Protein backbone atom coordinates (compact mmCIF):
# COMPACT_ATOMS: atom_id res chain seq x y z
CA UNK A 1 -7.89 -15.06 8.32
CA UNK A 2 -10.69 -16.86 9.79
CA UNK A 3 -8.37 -19.18 11.88
CA UNK A 4 -8.48 -16.42 14.15
CA UNK A 5 -12.26 -16.17 14.46
CA UNK A 6 -12.38 -16.62 18.40
CA UNK A 7 -9.46 -13.36 18.67
CA UNK A 8 -11.80 -11.45 16.41
CA UNK A 9 -14.98 -12.05 18.37
CA UNK A 10 -13.14 -11.23 21.43
CA UNK A 11 -11.80 -8.01 19.96
CA UNK A 12 -15.63 -7.18 18.79
CA UNK A 13 -16.70 -7.62 22.25
CA UNK A 14 -13.96 -5.38 23.81
CA UNK A 15 -14.96 -2.63 21.24
CA UNK A 16 -18.44 -3.42 22.32
CA UNK A 17 -19.40 -3.86 18.65
CA UNK A 18 -22.11 -6.55 17.84
CA UNK A 19 -20.25 -7.62 14.69
CA UNK A 20 -18.16 -7.00 11.56
CA UNK A 21 -20.03 -7.26 8.29
CA UNK A 22 -17.94 -7.60 5.30
CA UNK A 23 -19.78 -6.81 1.73
CA UNK A 24 -18.22 -7.40 -1.44
CA UNK A 25 -19.14 -7.70 -5.15
CA UNK A 26 -16.79 -8.82 -7.60
CA UNK A 27 -13.49 -8.75 -4.77
CA UNK A 28 -13.87 -4.88 -4.89
CA UNK A 29 -13.53 -4.96 -0.84
CA UNK A 30 -9.73 -6.09 -0.48
CA UNK A 31 -10.65 -6.25 3.46
CA UNK A 32 -13.31 -8.88 2.43
CA UNK A 33 -10.91 -10.76 -0.01
CA UNK A 34 -8.32 -11.27 2.49
CA UNK A 35 -10.52 -12.22 5.36
CA UNK A 36 -12.63 -14.77 3.51
CA UNK A 37 -9.61 -15.65 0.69
CA UNK A 38 -12.08 -14.51 -2.22
CA UNK A 39 -9.23 -14.62 -4.77
CA UNK A 40 -9.53 -18.26 -5.24
CA UNK A 41 -13.22 -18.55 -4.98
CA UNK A 42 -13.63 -15.72 -7.11
CA UNK A 43 -17.36 -15.03 -6.47
CA UNK A 44 -19.34 -13.19 -9.11
CA UNK A 45 -22.31 -11.78 -7.42
CA UNK A 46 -22.85 -9.44 -4.28
CA UNK A 47 -22.14 -11.32 -0.76
CA UNK A 48 -22.21 -10.38 2.90
CA UNK A 49 -20.58 -12.20 5.49
CA UNK A 50 -21.25 -11.14 9.32
CA UNK A 51 -18.70 -12.05 11.80
CA UNK A 52 -21.06 -12.04 15.07
CA UNK A 53 -19.44 -11.20 18.42
CA UNK A 54 -21.21 -13.67 20.14
CA UNK A 55 -22.82 -16.38 17.70
CA UNK A 56 -21.27 -18.11 14.90
CA UNK A 57 -20.78 -16.05 11.59
CA UNK A 58 -23.44 -15.74 9.16
CA UNK A 59 -22.79 -15.78 4.99
CA UNK A 60 -25.27 -14.22 2.78
CA UNK A 61 -24.58 -15.65 -0.75
CA UNK A 62 -26.05 -15.65 -4.39
CA UNK A 63 -26.87 -19.44 -5.57
CA UNK A 64 -24.32 -19.04 -8.24
CA UNK A 65 -21.59 -18.51 -5.78
CA UNK A 66 -22.74 -20.78 -3.07
CA UNK A 67 -20.63 -23.95 -3.57
CA UNK A 68 -17.49 -21.79 -4.28
CA UNK A 69 -17.83 -20.58 -0.72
CA UNK A 70 -19.06 -23.70 0.81
CA UNK A 71 -15.74 -23.87 3.19
CA UNK A 72 -16.56 -20.46 4.87
CA UNK A 73 -17.54 -21.30 8.65
CA UNK A 74 -21.01 -20.69 10.08
CA UNK A 75 -24.43 -20.46 8.82
CA UNK A 76 -25.60 -19.34 5.55
CA UNK A 77 -28.65 -17.95 3.48
CA UNK A 78 -28.55 -18.18 -0.09
CA UNK A 79 -30.45 -15.72 -2.10
CA UNK A 80 -31.45 -15.65 -5.72
CA UNK A 81 -32.86 -12.05 -6.22
CA UNK A 82 -32.27 -8.52 -5.35
CA UNK A 83 -35.58 -8.66 -2.98
CA UNK A 84 -34.49 -11.53 -1.35
CA UNK A 85 -30.85 -10.19 -0.58
CA UNK A 86 -32.08 -7.00 0.90
CA UNK A 87 -34.59 -9.05 2.96
CA UNK A 88 -31.90 -11.23 4.26
CA UNK A 89 -29.59 -8.16 4.94
CA UNK A 90 -32.16 -6.62 7.16
CA UNK A 91 -32.31 -9.83 9.19
CA UNK A 92 -28.89 -10.00 9.60
CA UNK A 93 -28.37 -6.45 10.81
CA UNK A 94 -31.41 -6.02 13.46
CA UNK A 95 -31.80 -2.14 14.64
CA UNK A 96 -29.79 -0.50 17.12
CA UNK A 97 -27.06 -3.00 16.78
CA UNK A 98 -23.36 -1.72 16.25
CA UNK A 99 -21.59 -3.08 13.20
CA UNK A 100 -18.27 -2.36 12.03
CA UNK A 101 -17.96 -1.99 7.93
CA UNK A 102 -15.15 -0.66 5.50
CA UNK A 103 -16.08 2.79 5.45
CA UNK A 104 -14.04 6.17 6.60
CA UNK A 105 -16.41 8.91 7.98
CA UNK A 106 -16.39 12.00 5.95
CA UNK A 107 -13.75 9.97 3.60
CA UNK A 108 -10.99 11.22 5.83
CA UNK A 109 -9.45 8.22 5.18
CA UNK A 110 -9.97 6.94 1.81
CA UNK A 111 -7.73 3.64 1.92
CA UNK A 112 -9.80 2.27 4.57
CA UNK A 113 -13.30 3.01 2.90
CA UNK A 114 -14.28 0.22 0.67
CA UNK A 115 -17.93 0.11 0.37
CA UNK A 116 -19.80 2.38 -2.01
CA UNK A 117 -22.22 4.91 -0.71
CA UNK A 118 -25.19 3.04 -2.04
CA UNK A 119 -24.40 -0.13 -0.13
CA UNK A 120 -23.49 2.25 3.01
CA UNK A 121 -27.24 4.00 2.76
CA UNK A 122 -28.91 0.61 2.14
CA UNK A 123 -27.24 -0.97 5.62
CA UNK A 124 -27.95 2.40 7.53
CA UNK A 125 -31.57 1.96 6.35
CA UNK A 126 -31.83 -1.00 8.70
CA UNK A 127 -31.47 1.02 11.93
CA UNK A 128 -28.08 -0.63 12.74
CA UNK A 129 -25.46 1.71 13.45
CA UNK A 130 -22.39 1.45 11.11
CA UNK A 131 -18.89 2.44 12.17
CA UNK A 132 -15.51 2.41 10.93
CA UNK A 133 -13.58 -1.05 10.50
CA UNK A 134 -10.31 0.54 10.91
CA UNK A 135 -9.33 -0.94 14.41
CA UNK A 136 -9.83 -4.58 13.17
CA UNK A 137 -8.49 -4.07 10.07
CA UNK A 138 -5.33 -2.90 11.99
CA UNK A 139 -5.15 -5.80 13.80
CA UNK A 140 -6.18 -8.82 11.98
CA UNK A 141 -5.81 -7.82 8.15
CA UNK A 142 -3.20 -5.36 7.61
CA UNK A 143 -0.08 -7.09 9.69
CA UNK A 144 2.33 -8.84 7.82
CA UNK A 145 3.12 -12.85 8.46
CA UNK A 146 7.09 -13.84 8.82
CA UNK A 147 6.30 -15.63 5.09
CA UNK A 148 4.99 -12.22 3.83
CA UNK A 149 8.24 -10.49 5.14
CA UNK A 150 10.26 -13.06 3.31
CA UNK A 151 8.29 -12.72 -0.05
CA UNK A 152 8.81 -8.74 0.35
CA UNK A 153 12.69 -8.93 1.11
CA UNK A 154 13.20 -11.53 -2.06
CA UNK A 155 10.89 -9.03 -4.16
CA UNK A 156 13.43 -5.94 -3.08
CA UNK A 157 16.67 -7.70 -3.56
CA UNK A 158 15.38 -8.91 -7.06
CA UNK A 159 14.32 -5.40 -8.15
CA UNK A 160 17.84 -4.23 -7.20
CA UNK A 161 19.16 -6.66 -9.61
CA UNK A 162 16.85 -5.87 -12.21
CA UNK A 163 17.37 -1.97 -11.86
CA UNK A 164 21.50 -2.96 -11.88
CA UNK A 165 21.12 -5.03 -14.98
CA UNK A 166 19.11 -2.48 -16.87
CA UNK A 167 21.23 0.29 -15.91
CA UNK A 168 24.37 -1.71 -17.30
CA UNK A 169 22.58 -2.23 -20.73
CA UNK A 170 21.69 1.28 -20.81
CA UNK A 171 25.13 2.48 -20.57
CA UNK A 172 26.50 -0.10 -23.07
CA UNK A 173 24.01 1.45 -25.51
CA UNK A 174 23.18 5.25 -24.90
CA UNK A 175 22.91 6.24 -28.48
CA UNK A 176 19.31 7.33 -29.04
CA UNK A 177 17.98 5.99 -25.89
CA UNK A 178 15.01 7.84 -24.23
CA UNK A 179 12.58 6.75 -21.49
CA UNK A 180 10.82 4.12 -23.38
CA UNK A 181 13.96 2.39 -23.82
CA UNK A 182 14.77 2.17 -20.22
CA UNK A 183 11.32 1.02 -19.80
CA UNK A 184 11.76 -1.67 -22.03
CA UNK A 185 14.87 -2.83 -20.45
CA UNK A 186 13.95 -2.57 -17.00
CA UNK A 187 10.63 -4.79 -18.25
CA UNK A 188 12.96 -7.14 -19.56
CA UNK A 189 15.39 -7.67 -16.51
CA UNK A 190 11.88 -7.89 -14.40
CA UNK A 191 10.63 -10.65 -16.19
CA UNK A 192 14.21 -12.27 -16.04
CA UNK A 193 14.10 -12.14 -12.24
CA UNK A 194 10.69 -13.29 -11.97
CA UNK A 195 9.00 -10.12 -10.72
CA UNK A 196 5.73 -9.15 -11.23
CA UNK A 197 4.15 -5.63 -11.66
CA UNK A 198 0.57 -4.17 -12.09
CA UNK A 199 2.10 -1.10 -13.71
CA UNK A 200 4.71 0.12 -16.31
CA UNK A 201 8.02 1.26 -14.13
CA UNK A 202 8.32 4.90 -13.60
CA UNK A 203 10.89 6.46 -15.80
CA UNK A 204 10.76 10.18 -15.42
CA UNK A 205 13.59 12.00 -17.19
CA UNK A 206 14.51 15.82 -17.22
CA UNK A 207 10.87 18.03 -16.07
CA UNK A 208 9.23 14.68 -16.51
CA UNK A 209 10.97 13.77 -12.92
CA UNK A 210 8.55 16.50 -11.24
CA UNK A 211 5.76 14.18 -11.87
CA UNK A 212 5.58 11.66 -9.17
CA UNK A 213 3.76 9.15 -11.14
CA UNK A 214 4.93 9.72 -14.53
CA UNK A 215 4.89 6.99 -17.26
CA UNK A 216 7.06 7.35 -20.43
CA UNK A 217 4.89 8.79 -23.29
CA UNK A 218 5.24 8.53 -27.22
CA UNK A 219 7.09 11.87 -26.96
CA UNK A 220 9.72 10.74 -24.44
CA UNK A 221 12.47 12.60 -23.27
CA UNK A 222 15.82 11.51 -24.54
CA UNK A 223 18.41 10.31 -21.86
CA UNK A 224 21.59 12.74 -22.84
CA UNK A 225 24.13 13.95 -21.15
CA UNK A 226 23.03 16.24 -18.32
CA UNK A 227 19.78 14.75 -17.61
CA UNK A 228 18.01 14.15 -14.21
CA UNK A 229 16.12 10.85 -14.04
CA UNK A 230 13.70 9.25 -11.40
CA UNK A 231 13.07 5.46 -11.90
CA UNK A 232 10.23 3.65 -9.72
CA UNK A 233 9.60 0.14 -9.52
CA UNK A 234 6.55 -1.57 -7.35
CA UNK A 235 6.90 -5.31 -7.64
CA UNK A 236 6.38 -8.55 -6.11
CA UNK A 237 7.65 -12.08 -6.92
CA UNK A 238 5.94 -14.10 -9.45
CA UNK A 239 5.48 -17.00 -7.17
CA UNK A 240 4.18 -18.30 -4.47
CA UNK A 241 0.72 -16.70 -5.37
CA UNK A 242 0.78 -14.50 -2.21
CA UNK A 243 3.76 -12.43 -2.15
CA UNK A 244 4.17 -9.17 -0.71
CA UNK A 245 5.21 -6.22 -2.40
CA UNK A 246 8.38 -3.90 -2.39
CA UNK A 247 8.38 -0.54 -3.50
CA UNK A 248 11.64 0.90 -4.90
CA UNK A 249 13.04 4.25 -6.52
CA UNK A 250 16.38 5.96 -7.54
CA UNK A 251 17.42 9.12 -8.27
CA UNK A 252 20.01 9.26 -11.19
CA UNK A 253 21.94 11.53 -13.60
CA UNK A 254 23.01 10.79 -17.35
CA UNK A 255 26.36 11.99 -17.97
CA UNK A 256 29.78 11.62 -17.10
CA UNK A 257 29.92 14.88 -15.05
CA UNK A 258 29.03 15.18 -11.43
CA UNK A 259 25.36 16.25 -11.02
CA UNK A 260 24.60 19.61 -10.47
CA UNK A 261 24.66 21.41 -6.92
CA UNK A 262 20.87 21.85 -7.06
CA UNK A 263 20.26 18.48 -7.93
CA UNK A 264 22.72 17.38 -4.80
CA UNK A 265 21.34 19.36 -2.69
CA UNK A 266 17.69 18.23 -3.52
CA UNK A 267 18.82 14.45 -3.04
CA UNK A 268 20.48 15.08 0.07
CA UNK A 269 17.49 16.55 1.66
CA UNK A 270 15.13 13.46 0.25
CA UNK A 271 17.76 11.18 2.18
CA UNK A 272 17.42 13.31 5.20
CA UNK A 273 13.65 13.07 5.00
CA UNK A 274 13.81 9.00 4.70
CA UNK A 275 16.39 8.91 7.53
CA UNK A 276 14.49 10.96 9.77
CA UNK A 277 11.47 8.96 9.21
CA UNK A 278 13.43 5.69 10.16
CA UNK A 279 14.64 7.59 13.16
CA UNK A 280 11.26 8.44 14.48
CA UNK A 281 9.84 5.27 14.05
CA UNK A 282 12.68 3.21 15.90
CA UNK A 283 12.64 5.75 18.59
CA UNK A 284 8.85 5.45 19.58
CA UNK A 285 9.02 1.90 18.91
CA UNK A 286 11.87 1.28 21.37
CA UNK A 287 10.17 3.69 23.98
CA UNK A 288 6.93 1.74 23.50
CA UNK A 289 5.09 4.76 22.59
CA UNK A 290 1.98 4.98 20.30
CA UNK A 291 2.92 6.51 16.97
CA UNK A 292 0.24 7.59 14.25
CA UNK A 293 1.31 7.62 10.61
CA UNK A 294 0.47 11.31 10.27
CA UNK A 295 3.31 11.81 13.34
CA UNK A 296 5.90 10.58 11.16
CA UNK A 297 5.16 12.77 8.36
CA UNK A 298 4.59 15.79 10.50
CA UNK A 299 8.07 15.13 12.07
CA UNK A 300 9.59 14.80 8.61
CA UNK A 301 7.80 17.96 7.49
CA UNK A 302 9.27 19.90 10.37
CA UNK A 303 13.04 18.69 9.62
CA UNK A 304 12.31 19.74 5.66
CA UNK A 305 10.77 23.08 6.57
CA UNK A 306 14.02 23.97 8.71
CA UNK A 307 15.85 23.45 5.53
CA UNK A 308 13.61 25.23 3.33
CA UNK A 309 12.40 22.18 1.22
CA UNK A 310 8.76 21.66 2.81
CA UNK A 311 7.14 23.31 -0.02
CA UNK A 312 8.90 20.95 -2.71
CA UNK A 313 7.35 17.85 -1.10
CA UNK A 314 3.93 17.60 -2.99
CA UNK A 315 2.95 13.95 -1.61
CA UNK A 316 2.81 11.78 1.52
CA UNK A 317 5.87 10.60 2.92
CA UNK A 318 5.29 7.15 2.39
CA UNK A 319 2.37 4.05 2.75
CA UNK A 320 1.58 0.64 3.99
CA UNK A 321 2.58 -2.13 1.66
CA UNK A 322 0.26 -4.63 1.01
CA UNK A 323 -0.20 -8.51 -0.35
CA UNK A 324 -3.07 -7.80 -2.88
CA UNK A 325 -1.63 -4.55 -4.23
CA UNK A 326 1.52 -2.34 -3.23
CA UNK A 327 -0.77 0.14 -1.23
CA UNK A 328 -1.55 -1.87 1.76
CA UNK A 329 -4.35 -1.87 4.22
CA UNK A 330 -2.54 -0.44 7.41
CA UNK A 331 -1.47 3.08 8.34
CA UNK A 332 0.21 5.58 5.69
CA UNK A 333 2.67 7.90 6.58
CA UNK A 334 0.54 10.96 5.57
CA UNK A 335 0.00 14.16 7.19
CA UNK A 336 -0.80 16.02 3.86
CA UNK A 337 -3.33 14.23 1.42
CA UNK A 338 -5.09 12.84 4.39
CA UNK A 339 -4.44 13.05 7.97
CA UNK A 340 -3.93 9.14 8.92
CA UNK A 341 -4.64 8.75 12.52
CA UNK A 342 -3.96 4.87 12.24
CA UNK A 343 -1.15 3.71 14.71
CA UNK A 344 1.82 2.19 13.41
CA UNK A 345 1.86 -1.34 15.06
CA UNK A 346 3.58 -4.96 14.99
CA UNK A 347 3.38 -6.53 11.57
CA UNK A 348 3.24 -3.21 9.90
CA UNK A 349 5.28 -2.98 6.28
CA UNK A 350 5.97 0.68 5.22
CA UNK A 351 7.44 2.16 1.90
CA UNK A 352 9.34 5.26 3.07
CA UNK A 353 9.40 7.32 -0.43
CA UNK A 354 9.82 11.27 0.13
CA UNK A 355 10.16 13.26 -3.04
CA UNK A 356 10.97 16.77 -3.85
CA UNK A 357 10.15 18.38 -6.84
CA UNK A 358 11.63 21.91 -7.85
CA UNK A 359 10.66 23.56 -11.03
CA UNK A 360 12.40 21.29 -13.81
CA UNK A 361 13.89 18.45 -11.61
CA UNK A 362 12.65 16.14 -9.16
CA UNK A 363 14.24 13.53 -7.00
CA UNK A 364 13.01 10.41 -4.54
CA UNK A 365 14.41 7.80 -2.80
CA UNK A 366 12.92 4.80 -0.98
CA UNK A 367 13.25 2.79 2.21
CA UNK A 368 11.15 -0.34 2.89
CA UNK A 369 10.82 -1.24 6.52
CA UNK A 370 8.50 -3.55 8.70
CA UNK A 371 7.68 -3.87 12.17
CA UNK A 372 8.07 -7.52 13.71
CA UNK A 373 5.96 -9.04 16.65
CA UNK A 374 8.17 -7.65 19.19
CA UNK A 375 7.74 -4.39 17.72
CA UNK A 376 11.15 -3.99 16.45
CA UNK A 377 11.89 -2.02 13.17
CA UNK A 378 13.99 -3.57 10.63
CA UNK A 379 15.22 -1.86 7.29
CA UNK A 380 14.18 -4.46 4.54
CA UNK A 381 15.32 -2.03 1.73
CA UNK A 382 17.76 0.57 2.19
CA UNK A 383 17.68 3.97 0.32
CA UNK A 384 20.64 4.54 -2.21
CA UNK A 385 23.56 6.13 -0.71
CA UNK A 386 24.32 8.52 -3.55
CA UNK A 387 23.05 9.77 -7.24
CA UNK A 388 23.53 6.92 -9.53
CA UNK A 389 25.41 8.25 -12.33
CA UNK A 390 25.56 6.81 -15.90
CA UNK A 391 29.00 7.19 -17.19
């Protein structure tokens, strides 16, 4: 990331900023971890790295971590105590300078705020003006490379294979099966195709399908004929180490009969929502119009409202996909949980995952897309065309 140091400094000057301060403790700031490549160094103490708009960067590092971060460019100050850390920070941030940090005023964008309130107060006490680093993150951190896109596409394809294999195994031995049985089958198939997860698969049957983040419980619901089902996988390839995430959801129905009309209507509306989002994104990009994450969600909400389904959408339309976590560092498609005013730009990767939840039944689908360097939209993982029915 620091290969682009010159470009970062040019952008700092364009934004009339004196610097960008990356502060971290134990890789709690994913922006700092990405820019400084901290996953390999694995520092254990607080650090600060100031990218100056004009001068060489400056690293403030604890003595026990100094060797681990020896390759970072620029000057450095090694500290050994809280007092020397605070004194060195004060010298890095003269009064009246304008410094970008990972925070969001009034917590309007929680996914852009990574420094704790105490650190923010400490930095502000030096007299520097602290501003959000969102413009810098959007340009230099959240965009994916071609290699990132390739690992994402591979993860999405493997997830499809894992789901299909687990579904076939479930169909061959349905007697007594419940949510936990399908979770186990999915976990086995994910391992078979060399996919990593940070959390168990979502398997939500019957009324549990109304919980967007349900995880199977000891008292799991049985997968008996007539049961609606939502399955979700957030995955990335086990190798290489830097692999991008994919997010996949399927709406399914257990039983040889056709899904009930209410379920089909909800599913059709969720598909309309996903397709509308793709159309809005593609149209704006082709017209070279600026498009914010909240704008995409608002357009889809209007579509759902015209069909009488807006009140059944409990969460945001979708989110940025990432490298270190499935939730990325770019714009989310959100006009409800937050109002995400970040723009969708070249290098963006998005999971469009609309869900509708009506009393005892929920549905959810997923379309993954990326925006390439020429600002062209590509669907990397399409939504399911129809409800998956277990014979």
